[in-house]
Each structure stands twice: as structure tokens, then as C-alpha cells.
PDB file of N, CA and C in Angstrom:
ATOM      1  N   UNK A   1     116.915 112.939  80.105  1.00  0.00           N
ATOM      2  CA  UNK A   1     115.362 112.881  79.591  1.00  0.00           C
ATOM      3  C   UNK A   1     114.485 113.337  80.603  1.00  0.00           C
ATOM      4  N   UNK A   2     113.585 114.217  80.083  1.00  0.00           N
ATOM      5  CA  UNK A   2     112.672 114.795  80.952  1.00  0.00           C
ATOM      6  C   UNK A   2     111.471 114.132  80.927  1.00  0.00           C
ATOM      7  N   UNK A   3     110.854 113.784  82.204  1.00  0.00           N
ATOM      8  CA  UNK A   3     109.477 113.069  82.253  1.00  0.00           C
ATOM      9  C   UNK A   3     108.555 113.917  82.275  1.00  0.00           C
ATOM     10  N   UNK A   4     107.436 113.504  81.675  1.00  0.00           N
ATOM     11  CA  UNK A   4     106.080 114.209  81.870  1.00  0.00           C
ATOM     12  C   UNK A   4     105.516 113.997  83.162  1.00  0.00           C
ATOM     13  N   UNK A   5     104.723 114.784  83.592  1.00  0.00           N
ATOM     14  CA  UNK A   5     104.110 114.705  84.951  1.00  0.00           C
ATOM     15  C   UNK A   5     103.338 113.343  85.070  1.00  0.00           C
ATOM     16  N   UNK A   6     102.713 112.913  84.021  1.00  0.00           N
ATOM     17  CA  UNK A   6     101.925 111.663  84.055  1.00  0.00           C
ATOM     18  C   UNK A   6     102.966 110.505  84.301  1.00  0.00           C
ATOM     19  N   UNK A   7     104.172 110.517  83.766  1.00  0.00           N
ATOM     20  CA  UNK A   7     105.220 109.455  83.849  1.00  0.00           C
ATOM     21  C   UNK A   7     105.642 109.417  85.370  1.00  0.00           C
ATOM     22  N   UNK A   8     105.303 110.469  86.326  1.00  0.00           N
ATOM     23  CA  UNK A   8     105.691 110.181  87.655  1.00  0.00           C
ATOM     24  C   UNK A   8     104.708 109.366  88.450  1.00  0.00           C
ATOM     25  N   UNK A   9     103.693 108.822  87.854  1.00  0.00           N
ATOM     26  CA  UNK A   9     102.731 107.930  88.615  1.00  0.00           C
ATOM     27  C   UNK A   9     102.884 106.587  88.057  1.00  0.00           C
ATOM     28  N   UNK A  10     102.152 105.556  88.778  1.00  0.00           N
ATOM     29  CA  UNK A  10     102.470 104.240  88.257  1.00  0.00           C
ATOM     30  C   UNK A  10     101.430 103.994  86.975  1.00  0.00           C
ATOM     31  N   UNK A  11     101.839 103.137  86.156  1.00  0.00           N
ATOM     32  CA  UNK A  11     101.212 102.840  84.813  1.00  0.00           C
ATOM     33  C   UNK A  11      99.683 102.653  85.029  1.00  0.00           C
ATOM     34  N   UNK A  12      99.335 101.807  86.072  1.00  0.00           N
ATOM     35  CA  UNK A  12      97.916 101.559  86.151  1.00  0.00           C
ATOM     36  C   UNK A  12      97.103 102.986  86.319  1.00  0.00           C
ATOM     37  N   UNK A  13      97.536 103.832  87.120  1.00  0.00           N
ATOM     38  CA  UNK A  13      96.858 105.050  87.455  1.00  0.00           C
ATOM     39  C   UNK A  13      96.941 106.029  86.045  1.00  0.00           C
ATOM     40  N   UNK A  14      98.010 105.954  85.372  1.00  0.00           N
ATOM     41  CA  UNK A  14      98.041 106.646  84.039  1.00  0.00           C
ATOM     42  C   UNK A  14      97.031 106.088  83.217  1.00  0.00           C
ATOM     43  N   UNK A  15      97.007 104.854  83.061  1.00  0.00           N
ATOM     44  CA  UNK A  15      95.946 104.207  82.065  1.00  0.00           C
ATOM     45  C   UNK A  15      94.510 104.477  82.507  1.00  0.00           C
ATOM     46  N   UNK A  16      94.312 104.456  83.711  1.00  0.00           N
ATOM     47  CA  UNK A  16      92.944 104.788  84.319  1.00  0.00           C
ATOM     48  C   UNK A  16      92.558 106.280  83.946  1.00  0.00           C
ATOM     49  N   UNK A  17      93.652 107.155  84.078  1.00  0.00           N
ATOM     50  CA  UNK A  17      93.544 108.653  83.825  1.00  0.00           C
ATOM     51  C   UNK A  17      93.088 108.928  82.382  1.00  0.00           C
ATOM     52  N   UNK A  18      93.734 108.134  81.332  1.00  0.00           N
ATOM     53  CA  UNK A  18      93.616 108.372  80.016  1.00  0.00           C
ATOM     54  C   UNK A  18      92.042 107.856  79.706  1.00  0.00           C
ATOM     55  N   UNK A  19      91.669 106.664  80.378  1.00  0.00           N
ATOM     56  CA  UNK A  19      90.362 106.129  80.224  1.00  0.00           C
ATOM     57  C   UNK A  19      89.210 107.146  80.700  1.00  0.00           C
ATOM     58  N   UNK A  20      89.547 107.584  81.835  1.00  0.00           N
ATOM     59  CA  UNK A  20      88.455 108.487  82.336  1.00  0.00           C
ATOM     60  C   UNK A  20      88.569 109.838  81.767  1.00  0.00           C
ATOM     61  N   UNK A  21      89.587 110.333  81.059  1.00  0.00           N
ATOM     62  CA  UNK A  21      89.489 111.555  80.426  1.00  0.00           C
ATOM     63  C   UNK A  21      88.633 111.493  79.330  1.00  0.00           C
ATOM     64  N   UNK A  22      88.472 110.234  78.702  1.00  0.00           N
ATOM     65  CA  UNK A  22      87.503 110.123  77.562  1.00  0.00           C
ATOM     66  C   UNK A  22      86.311 110.426  77.809  1.00  0.00           C
ATOM     67  N   UNK A  23      85.768 110.309  79.056  1.00  0.00           N
ATOM     68  CA  UNK A  23      84.371 110.607  79.627  1.00  0.00           C
ATOM     69  C   UNK A  23      84.336 111.878  80.089  1.00  0.00           C
ATOM     70  N   UNK A  24      85.337 112.644  80.109  1.00  0.00           N
ATOM     71  CA  UNK A  24      85.380 113.979  80.859  1.00  0.00           C
ATOM     72  C   UNK A  24      84.816 115.107  80.060  1.00  0.00           C
ATOM     73  N   UNK A  25      83.784 114.961  79.189  1.00  0.00           N
ATOM     74  CA  UNK A  25      83.146 115.874  78.530  1.00  0.00           C
ATOM     75  C   UNK A  25      81.743 115.592  78.390  1.00  0.00           C
ATOM     76  N   UNK A  26      80.689 116.458  78.594  1.00  0.00           N
ATOM     77  CA  UNK A  26      79.302 116.167  78.436  1.00  0.00           C
ATOM     78  C   UNK A  26      78.904 115.630  77.067  1.00  0.00           C
ATOM     79  N   UNK A  27      79.495 116.161  76.071  1.00  0.00           N
ATOM     80  CA  UNK A  27      79.323 115.618  74.611  1.00  0.00           C
ATOM     81  C   UNK A  27      79.599 114.175  74.321  1.00  0.00           C
ATOM     82  N   UNK A  28      80.735 113.800  74.989  1.00  0.00           N
ATOM     83  CA  UNK A  28      81.128 112.443  74.906  1.00  0.00           C
ATOM     84  C   UNK A  28      80.168 111.578  75.620  1.00  0.00           C
ATOM     85  N   UNK A  29      79.649 111.816  76.911  1.00  0.00           N
ATOM     86  CA  UNK A  29      78.797 111.289  77.688  1.00  0.00           C
ATOM     87  C   UNK A  29      77.532 111.176  77.011  1.00  0.00           C
ATOM     88  N   UNK A  30      77.027 112.244  76.283  1.00  0.00           N
ATOM     89  CA  UNK A  30      75.907 112.286  75.459  1.00  0.00           C
ATOM     90  C   UNK A  30      75.901 111.269  74.302  1.00  0.00           C
ATOM     91  N   UNK A  31      77.074 111.192  73.694  1.00  0.00           N
ATOM     92  CA  UNK A  31      77.107 110.344  72.499  1.00  0.00           C
ATOM     93  C   UNK A  31      76.947 108.976  72.950  1.00  0.00           C
ATOM     94  N   UNK A  32      77.561 108.588  74.111  1.00  0.00           N
ATOM     95  CA  UNK A  32      77.471 107.073  74.493  1.00  0.00           C
ATOM     96  C   UNK A  32      76.135 106.907  74.968  1.00  0.00           C
ATOM     97  N   UNK A  33      75.379 107.903  75.657  1.00  0.00           N
ATOM     98  CA  UNK A  33      73.958 107.870  76.017  1.00  0.00           C
ATOM     99  C   UNK A  33      73.132 107.425  74.747  1.00  0.00           C
ATOM    100  N   UNK A  34      73.336 108.300  73.726  1.00  0.00           N
ATOM    101  CA  UNK A  34      72.586 108.168  72.423  1.00  0.00           C
ATOM    102  C   UNK A  34      72.859 106.788  71.879  1.00  0.00           C
ATOM    103  N   UNK A  35      73.985 106.296  71.831  1.00  0.00           N
ATOM    104  CA  UNK A  35      74.297 105.022  71.173  1.00  0.00           C
ATOM    105  C   UNK A  35      73.694 103.908  71.995  1.00  0.00           C
ATOM    106  N   UNK A  36      73.683 104.024  73.403  1.00  0.00           N
ATOM    107  CA  UNK A  36      72.948 103.214  74.339  1.00  0.00           C
ATOM    108  C   UNK A  36      71.541 103.087  74.065  1.00  0.00           C
ATOM    109  N   UNK A  37      70.908 104.222  74.022  1.00  0.00           N
ATOM    110  CA  UNK A  37      69.594 104.458  73.827  1.00  0.00           C
ATOM    111  C   UNK A  37      68.927 103.842  72.489  1.00  0.00           C
ATOM    112  N   UNK A  38      69.792 103.989  71.413  1.00  0.00           N
ATOM    113  CA  UNK A  38      69.300 103.578  70.094  1.00  0.00           C
ATOM    114  C   UNK A  38      69.310 101.962  70.200  1.00  0.00           C
ATOM    115  N   UNK A  39      70.254 101.379  70.913  1.00  0.00           N
ATOM    116  CA  UNK A  39      70.387  99.996  71.055  1.00  0.00           C
ATOM    117  C   UNK A  39      70.711  99.258  69.796  1.00  0.00           C
ATOM    118  N   UNK A  40      71.392 100.100  68.810  1.00  0.00           N
ATOM    119  CA  UNK A  40      71.873  99.608  67.677  1.00  0.00           C
ATOM    120  C   UNK A  40      73.111 100.442  67.258  1.00  0.00           C
ATOM    121  N   UNK A  41      73.762  99.942  66.159  1.00  0.00           N
ATOM    122  CA  UNK A  41      74.850 100.818  65.602  1.00  0.00           C
ATOM    123  C   UNK A  41      74.185 101.800  64.814  1.00  0.00           C
ATOM    124  N   UNK A  42      74.821 103.086  64.650  1.00  0.00           N
ATOM    125  CA  UNK A  42      74.263 104.241  64.131  1.00  0.00           C
ATOM    126  C   UNK A  42      75.171 104.394  62.888  1.00  0.00           C
ATOM    127  N   UNK A  43      74.510 104.504  61.713  1.00  0.00           N
ATOM    128  CA  UNK A  43      75.259 105.022  60.561  1.00  0.00           C
ATOM    129  C   UNK A  43      74.551 106.245  60.151  1.00  0.00           C
ATOM    130  N   UNK A  44      75.389 107.370  60.087  1.00  0.00           N
ATOM    131  CA  UNK A  44      74.673 108.591  59.894  1.00  0.00           C
ATOM    132  C   UNK A  44      75.412 109.643  60.710  1.00  0.00           C
ATOM    133  N   UNK A  45      74.678 110.866  60.703  1.00  0.00           N
ATOM    134  CA  UNK A  45      75.433 112.016  61.416  1.00  0.00           C
ATOM    135  C   UNK A  45      74.752 112.118  62.836  1.00  0.00           C
ATOM    136  N   UNK A  46      75.717 111.797  63.731  1.00  0.00           N
ATOM    137  CA  UNK A  46      75.373 112.086  65.145  1.00  0.00           C
ATOM    138  C   UNK A  46      75.191 113.320  65.598  1.00  0.00           C
ATOM    139  N   UNK A  47      75.881 114.267  64.715  1.00  0.00           N
ATOM    140  CA  UNK A  47      75.771 115.525  65.256  1.00  0.00           C
ATOM    141  C   UNK A  47      74.378 116.126  65.207  1.00  0.00           C
ATOM    142  N   UNK A  48      73.565 115.615  64.456  1.00  0.00           N
ATOM    143  CA  UNK A  48      72.019 116.115  64.561  1.00  0.00           C
ATOM    144  C   UNK A  48      71.431 115.870  65.996  1.00  0.00           C
ATOM    145  N   UNK A  49      72.037 114.862  66.864  1.00  0.00           N
ATOM    146  CA  UNK A  49      71.593 114.646  68.122  1.00  0.00           C
ATOM    147  C   UNK A  49      72.074 115.505  69.228  1.00  0.00           C
ATOM    148  N   UNK A  50      73.215 116.178  68.920  1.00  0.00           N
ATOM    149  CA  UNK A  50      73.896 117.184  69.847  1.00  0.00           C
ATOM    150  C   UNK A  50      73.839 118.760  69.406  1.00  0.00           C
ATOM    151  N   UNK A  51      73.864 119.510  70.390  1.00  0.00           N
ATOM    152  CA  UNK A  51      73.781 121.021  70.185  1.00  0.00           C
ATOM    153  C   UNK A  51      75.251 121.451  69.832  1.00  0.00           C
ATOM    154  N   UNK A  52      75.971 120.796  68.949  1.00  0.00           N
ATOM    155  CA  UNK A  52      77.341 121.159  68.424  1.00  0.00           C
ATOM    156  C   UNK A  52      77.540 120.964  67.045  1.00  0.00           C
ATOM    157  N   UNK A  53      78.542 121.594  66.492  1.00  0.00           N
ATOM    158  CA  UNK A  53      78.858 121.433  65.022  1.00  0.00           C
ATOM    159  C   UNK A  53      79.369 120.005  64.751  1.00  0.00           C
ATOM    160  N   UNK A  54      79.291 119.789  63.549  1.00  0.00           N
ATOM    161  CA  UNK A  54      79.712 118.387  63.011  1.00  0.00           C
ATOM    162  C   UNK A  54      81.216 118.250  63.184  1.00  0.00           C
ATOM    163  N   UNK A  55      81.981 119.168  63.083  1.00  0.00           N
ATOM    164  CA  UNK A  55      83.444 119.174  63.320  1.00  0.00           C
ATOM    165  C   UNK A  55      83.704 118.767  64.786  1.00  0.00           C
ATOM    166  N   UNK A  56      83.190 119.457  65.665  1.00  0.00           N
ATOM    167  CA  UNK A  56      83.243 119.306  67.232  1.00  0.00           C
ATOM    168  C   UNK A  56      82.865 117.939  67.435  1.00  0.00           C
ATOM    169  N   UNK A  57      81.682 117.435  67.084  1.00  0.00           N
ATOM    170  CA  UNK A  57      81.091 116.111  67.218  1.00  0.00           C
ATOM    171  C   UNK A  57      82.125 115.073  66.835  1.00  0.00           C
ATOM    172  N   UNK A  58      82.714 115.451  65.538  1.00  0.00           N
ATOM    173  CA  UNK A  58      83.750 114.534  65.121  1.00  0.00           C
ATOM    174  C   UNK A  58      84.982 114.357  65.879  1.00  0.00           C
ATOM    175  N   UNK A  59      85.391 115.414  66.550  1.00  0.00           N
ATOM    176  CA  UNK A  59      86.525 115.455  67.437  1.00  0.00           C
ATOM    177  C   UNK A  59      86.250 114.524  68.590  1.00  0.00           C
ATOM    178  N   UNK A  60      84.940 114.583  69.196  1.00  0.00           N
ATOM    179  CA  UNK A  60      84.564 113.935  70.418  1.00  0.00           C
ATOM    180  C   UNK A  60      84.511 112.407  70.014  1.00  0.00           C
ATOM    181  N   UNK A  61      83.815 112.112  68.862  1.00  0.00           N
ATOM    182  CA  UNK A  61      83.736 110.614  68.417  1.00  0.00           C
ATOM    183  C   UNK A  61      85.220 110.108  68.247  1.00  0.00           C
ATOM    184  N   UNK A  62      86.136 110.890  67.753  1.00  0.00           N
ATOM    185  CA  UNK A  62      87.474 110.506  67.682  1.00  0.00           C
ATOM    186  C   UNK A  62      88.183 109.965  68.893  1.00  0.00           C
ATOM    187  N   UNK A  63      87.788 110.911  69.889  1.00  0.00           N
ATOM    188  CA  UNK A  63      88.408 110.686  71.353  1.00  0.00           C
ATOM    189  C   UNK A  63      87.777 109.319  71.948  1.00  0.00           C
ATOM    190  N   UNK A  64      86.534 109.162  71.646  1.00  0.00           N
ATOM    191  CA  UNK A  64      85.846 107.986  72.069  1.00  0.00           C
ATOM    192  C   UNK A  64      86.497 106.746  71.403  1.00  0.00           C
ATOM    193  N   UNK A  65      86.634 106.864  70.178  1.00  0.00           N
ATOM    194  CA  UNK A  65      87.045 105.836  69.277  1.00  0.00           C
ATOM    195  C   UNK A  65      88.561 105.557  69.611  1.00  0.00           C
ATOM    196  N   UNK A  66      89.348 106.424  69.736  1.00  0.00           N
ATOM    197  CA  UNK A  66      90.872 106.368  70.270  1.00  0.00           C
ATOM    198  C   UNK A  66      91.119 105.711  71.377  1.00  0.00           C
ATOM    199  N   UNK A  67      89.982 105.842  72.454  1.00  0.00           N
ATOM    200  CA  UNK A  67      90.130 105.152  73.685  1.00  0.00           C
ATOM    201  C   UNK A  67      89.347 103.824  73.635  1.00  0.00           C
ATOM    202  N   UNK A  68      88.770 103.416  72.462  1.00  0.00           N
ATOM    203  CA  UNK A  68      88.168 102.094  72.343  1.00  0.00           C
ATOM    204  C   UNK A  68      86.744 102.089  72.829  1.00  0.00           C
ATOM    205  N   UNK A  69      86.209 103.060  73.259  1.00  0.00           N
ATOM    206  CA  UNK A  69      84.738 103.034  73.854  1.00  0.00           C
ATOM    207  C   UNK A  69      83.764 102.849  72.716  1.00  0.00           C
ATOM    208  N   UNK A  70      84.169 103.305  71.584  1.00  0.00           N
ATOM    209  CA  UNK A  70      83.045 103.130  70.415  1.00  0.00           C
ATOM    210  C   UNK A  70      83.897 102.525  69.290  1.00  0.00           C
ATOM    211  N   UNK A  71      83.355 101.848  68.439  1.00  0.00           N
ATOM    212  CA  UNK A  71      83.732 101.387  67.322  1.00  0.00           C
ATOM    213  C   UNK A  71      83.154 102.155  66.055  1.00  0.00           C
ATOM    214  N   UNK A  72      84.134 102.484  65.182  1.00  0.00           N
ATOM    215  CA  UNK A  72      83.456 103.276  64.025  1.00  0.00           C
ATOM    216  C   UNK A  72      84.072 102.600  62.850  1.00  0.00           C
ATOM    217  N   UNK A  73      83.139 102.122  61.953  1.00  0.00           N
ATOM    218  CA  UNK A  73      83.607 101.541  60.720  1.00  0.00           C
ATOM    219  C   UNK A  73      82.901 102.087  59.646  1.00  0.00           C
ATOM    220  N   UNK A  74      83.928 102.413  58.630  1.00  0.00           N
ATOM    221  CA  UNK A  74      83.405 103.220  57.370  1.00  0.00           C
ATOM    222  C   UNK A  74      82.752 102.263  56.505  1.00  0.00           C
ATOM    223  N   UNK A  75      81.572 102.815  55.990  1.00  0.00           N
ATOM    224  CA  UNK A  75      80.626 102.029  55.170  1.00  0.00           C
ATOM    225  C   UNK A  75      80.278 103.050  54.055  1.00  0.00           C
ATOM    226  N   UNK A  76      81.055 102.952  52.924  1.00  0.00           N
ATOM    227  CA  UNK A  76      80.923 103.805  51.813  1.00  0.00           C
ATOM    228  C   UNK A  76      81.275 105.189  52.375  1.00  0.00           C
ATOM    229  N   UNK A  77      80.215 106.270  52.142  1.00  0.00           N
ATOM    230  CA  UNK A  77      80.483 107.659  52.483  1.00  0.00           C
ATOM    231  C   UNK A  77      80.317 107.928  54.136  1.00  0.00           C
ATOM    232  N   UNK A  78      79.541 106.854  54.696  1.00  0.00           N
ATOM    233  CA  UNK A  78      79.261 107.063  56.076  1.00  0.00           C
ATOM    234  C   UNK A  78      79.981 106.211  57.104  1.00  0.00           C
ATOM    235  N   UNK A  79      79.909 106.543  58.422  1.00  0.00           N
ATOM    236  CA  UNK A  79      80.568 105.754  59.307  1.00  0.00           C
ATOM    237  C   UNK A  79      79.577 105.139  60.293  1.00  0.00           C
ATOM    238  N   UNK A  80      79.557 103.873  60.631  1.00  0.00           N
ATOM    239  CA  UNK A  80      78.845 103.275  61.416  1.00  0.00           C
ATOM    240  C   UNK A  80      79.442 103.314  62.963  1.00  0.00           C
ATOM    241  N   UNK A  81      78.886 103.810  63.945  1.00  0.00           N
ATOM    242  CA  UNK A  81      79.200 103.871  65.144  1.00  0.00           C
ATOM    243  C   UNK A  81      78.401 102.950  66.307  1.00  0.00           C
ATOM    244  N   UNK A  82      79.206 102.226  67.075  1.00  0.00           N
ATOM    245  CA  UNK A  82      78.740 101.263  68.029  1.00  0.00           C
ATOM    246  C   UNK A  82      79.504 101.362  69.268  1.00  0.00           C
ATOM    247  N   UNK A  83      78.857 101.260  70.358  1.00  0.00           N
ATOM    248  CA  UNK A  83      79.427 101.031  71.772  1.00  0.00           C
ATOM    249  C   UNK A  83      80.358  99.788  71.563  1.00  0.00           C
ATOM    250  N   UNK A  84      81.434  99.886  72.149  1.00  0.00           N
ATOM    251  CA  UNK A  84      82.484  98.657  72.292  1.00  0.00           C
ATOM    252  C   UNK A  84      82.074  97.952  73.505  1.00  0.00           C
ATOM    253  N   UNK A  85      81.351  96.995  73.579  1.00  0.00           N
ATOM    254  CA  UNK A  85      80.896  96.325  74.809  1.00  0.00           C
ATOM    255  C   UNK A  85      81.991  95.761  75.891  1.00  0.00           C
ATOM    256  N   UNK A  86      83.061  95.302  75.103  1.00  0.00           N
ATOM    257  CA  UNK A  86      84.214  94.887  75.957  1.00  0.00           C
ATOM    258  C   UNK A  86      84.918  95.992  76.640  1.00  0.00           C
ATOM    259  N   UNK A  87      85.070  97.024  75.958  1.00  0.00           N
ATOM    260  CA  UNK A  87      85.743  98.154  76.628  1.00  0.00           C
ATOM    261  C   UNK A  87      84.744  98.843  77.674  1.00  0.00           C
ATOM    262  N   UNK A  88      83.524  98.877  77.342  1.00  0.00           N
ATOM    263  CA  UNK A  88      82.472  99.395  78.391  1.00  0.00           C
ATOM    264  C   UNK A  88      82.529  98.533  79.558  1.00  0.00           C
ATOM    265  N   UNK A  89      82.786  97.297  79.326  1.00  0.00           N
ATOM    266  CA  UNK A  89      82.686  96.308  80.597  1.00  0.00           C
ATOM    267  C   UNK A  89      84.106  96.614  81.468  1.00  0.00           C
ATOM    268  N   UNK A  90      85.253  96.802  80.514  1.00  0.00           N
ATOM    269  CA  UNK A  90      86.382  97.137  81.423  1.00  0.00           C
ATOM    270  C   UNK A  90      86.327  98.395  82.040  1.00  0.00           C
ATOM    271  N   UNK A  91      85.863  99.474  81.326  1.00  0.00           N
ATOM    272  CA  UNK A  91      85.649 100.628  82.023  1.00  0.00           C
ATOM    273  C   UNK A  91      84.952 100.495  83.369  1.00  0.00           C
ATOM    274  N   UNK A  92      83.828  99.766  83.283  1.00  0.00           N
ATOM    275  CA  UNK A  92      83.168  99.579  84.602  1.00  0.00           C
ATOM    276  C   UNK A  92      83.833  98.960  85.596  1.00  0.00           C
ATOM    277  N   UNK A  93      84.545  97.839  85.215  1.00  0.00           N
ATOM    278  CA  UNK A  93      85.404  97.079  86.223  1.00  0.00           C
ATOM    279  C   UNK A  93      86.484  98.101  86.804  1.00  0.00           C
ATOM    280  N   UNK A  94      87.109  98.822  86.012  1.00  0.00           N
ATOM    281  CA  UNK A  94      88.181  99.594  86.455  1.00  0.00           C
ATOM    282  C   UNK A  94      87.667 100.791  87.259  1.00  0.00           C
ATOM    283  N   UNK A  95      86.463 101.341  86.890  1.00  0.00           N
ATOM    284  CA  UNK A  95      85.997 102.481  87.835  1.00  0.00           C
ATOM    285  C   UNK A  95      85.495 101.840  89.099  1.00  0.00           C
ATOM    286  N   UNK A  96      84.757 100.808  88.977  1.00  0.00           N
ATOM    287  CA  UNK A  96      84.178 100.166  90.367  1.00  0.00           C
ATOM    288  C   UNK A  96      85.395  99.805  91.211  1.00  0.00           C
ATOM    289  N   UNK A  97      86.483  99.190  90.608  1.00  0.00           N
ATOM    290  CA  UNK A  97      87.617  98.843  91.427  1.00  0.00           C
ATOM    291  C   UNK A  97      88.216 100.037  92.072  1.00  0.00           C
ATOM    292  N   UNK A  98      88.362 101.080  91.311  1.00  0.00           N
ATOM    293  CA  UNK A  98      89.097 102.257  91.880  1.00  0.00           C
ATOM    294  C   UNK A  98      88.216 102.963  92.994  1.00  0.00           C
ATOM    295  N   UNK A  99      86.886 103.097  92.672  1.00  0.00           N
ATOM    296  CA  UNK A  99      86.022 103.612  93.751  1.00  0.00           C
ATOM    297  C   UNK A  99      86.095 102.861  95.034  1.00  0.00           C
ATOM    298  N   UNK A 100      86.050 101.356  94.820  1.00  0.00           N
ATOM    299  CA  UNK A 100      86.024 100.488  96.000  1.00  0.00           C
ATOM    300  C   UNK A 100      87.314 100.582  96.871  1.00  0.00           C
ATOM    301  N   UNK A 101      88.471 100.890  96.129  1.00  0.00           N
ATOM    302  CA  UNK A 101      89.721 100.989  96.938  1.00  0.00           C
ATOM    303  C   UNK A 101      89.825 102.377  97.698  1.00  0.00           C
ATOM    304  N   UNK A 102      89.193 103.376  97.367  1.00  0.00           N
ATOM    305  CA  UNK A 102      89.149 104.613  98.038  1.00  0.00           C
ATOM    306  C   UNK A 102      87.943 105.000  98.964  1.00  0.00           C
ATOM    307  N   UNK A 103      87.011 103.994  98.777  1.00  0.00           N
ATOM    308  CA  UNK A 103      85.643 104.216  99.423  1.00  0.00           C
ATOM    309  C   UNK A 103      85.709 103.730 100.970  1.00  0.00           C
ATOM    310  N   UNK A 104      86.729 103.253 101.443  1.00  0.00           N
ATOM    311  CA  UNK A 104      86.708 102.876 102.828  1.00  0.00           C
ATOM    312  C   UNK A 104      86.336 103.888 103.900  1.00  0.00           C
ATOM    313  N   UNK A 105      85.442 103.596 104.796  1.00  0.00           N
ATOM    314  CA  UNK A 105      85.053 104.673 105.634  1.00  0.00           C
ATOM    315  C   UNK A 105      86.188 105.465 106.446  1.00  0.00           C
ATOM    316  N   UNK A 106      87.188 104.790 106.707  1.00  0.00           N
ATOM    317  CA  UNK A 106      88.256 105.455 107.513  1.00  0.00           C
ATOM    318  C   UNK A 106      89.066 106.235 106.636  1.00  0.00           C
ATOM    319  N   UNK A 107      88.807 106.421 105.481  1.00  0.00           N
ATOM    320  CA  UNK A 107      89.703 107.256 104.521  1.00  0.00           C
ATOM    321  C   UNK A 107      88.985 108.635 104.300  1.00  0.00           C
ATOM    322  N   UNK A 108      87.637 108.892 104.992  1.00  0.00           N
ATOM    323  CA  UNK A 108      87.142 110.072 104.673  1.00  0.00           C
ATOM    324  C   UNK A 108      87.108 110.931 105.982  1.00  0.00           C
ATOM    325  N   UNK A 109      87.267 112.238 105.777  1.00  0.00           N
ATOM    326  CA  UNK A 109      87.228 113.136 106.763  1.00  0.00           C
ATOM    327  C   UNK A 109      85.756 113.531 107.153  1.00  0.00           C
ATOM    328  N   UNK A 110      85.243 113.306 108.258  1.00  0.00           N
ATOM    329  CA  UNK A 110      83.866 113.617 108.731  1.00  0.00           C
ATOM    330  C   UNK A 110      83.853 114.602 109.976  1.00  0.00           C
ATOM    331  N   UNK A 111      83.240 115.747 109.583  1.00  0.00           N
ATOM    332  CA  UNK A 111      83.188 116.747 110.748  1.00  0.00           C
ATOM    333  C   UNK A 111      82.110 116.668 111.568  1.00  0.00           C
ATOM    334  N   UNK A 112      82.149 116.590 112.754  1.00  0.00           N
ATOM    335  CA  UNK A 112      80.993 116.368 113.526  1.00  0.00           C
ATOM    336  C   UNK A 112      80.305 117.789 113.718  1.00  0.00           C
ATOM    337  N   UNK A 113      79.042 117.694 113.580  1.00  0.00           N
ATOM    338  CA  UNK A 113      78.077 118.906 113.499  1.00  0.00           C
ATOM    339  C   UNK A 113      77.726 119.314 114.817  1.00  0.00           C
TER     340      UNK A 113
END
């Protein structure tokens, strides 16, 4: 059986990478910003808020939804989108925890000027 490259790393790093990948596009970050700014769930076309076509926006929404960062519930012909607060809290904890682990001063190369 051939392993994928991600399988060469421990499970925790692989899970973090998948979660961080969901944030690795400015459109997805803007979608999260937009949902946070509106302070409510959005029913309607989020593509009106982005300089991208509806199909592309839908792909980004799917990525965020697949990773649990947003919740999308179908209501009739429209979908209502909300930020998933529990997943957002988990993301923050994971990111802060990861950065704290690598942030030790003795881990950095510093050139003397």
C-alpha cells in the first residue's frame, strides 16, 4: 500500500493542515469576515459581496462548510449560512496552541546586524 505524503506526518498535524487549508484563500477569509460583520446568518447570494462568480463562491462556501467553519442550511430555494461558533473556537485554540509551540525565542535564527 502506497502512503500519501500527508500520511507520513502525525494525525494531529494532518488535521491542522486540513483546517488551515480551509483558510488558505482570500475569498474564504472574506466570506468569514462578511458573515462576522453581518452578525447574523445570511440567506441569499453571498457572491454579491465578492468579486467572483457565483460558481466560484459556491466552491469556497463548500470548502468552508466541509471543514465545519460555516453551517449552511437549505431553506426553500435559498441556503442560510452562519459561522459555526464551536468550530471557530476550536480553530482559534488549535492555531494559538500551534503558534505557542513554535514561538519559543530559542527556536528562531537571529542575525546580528
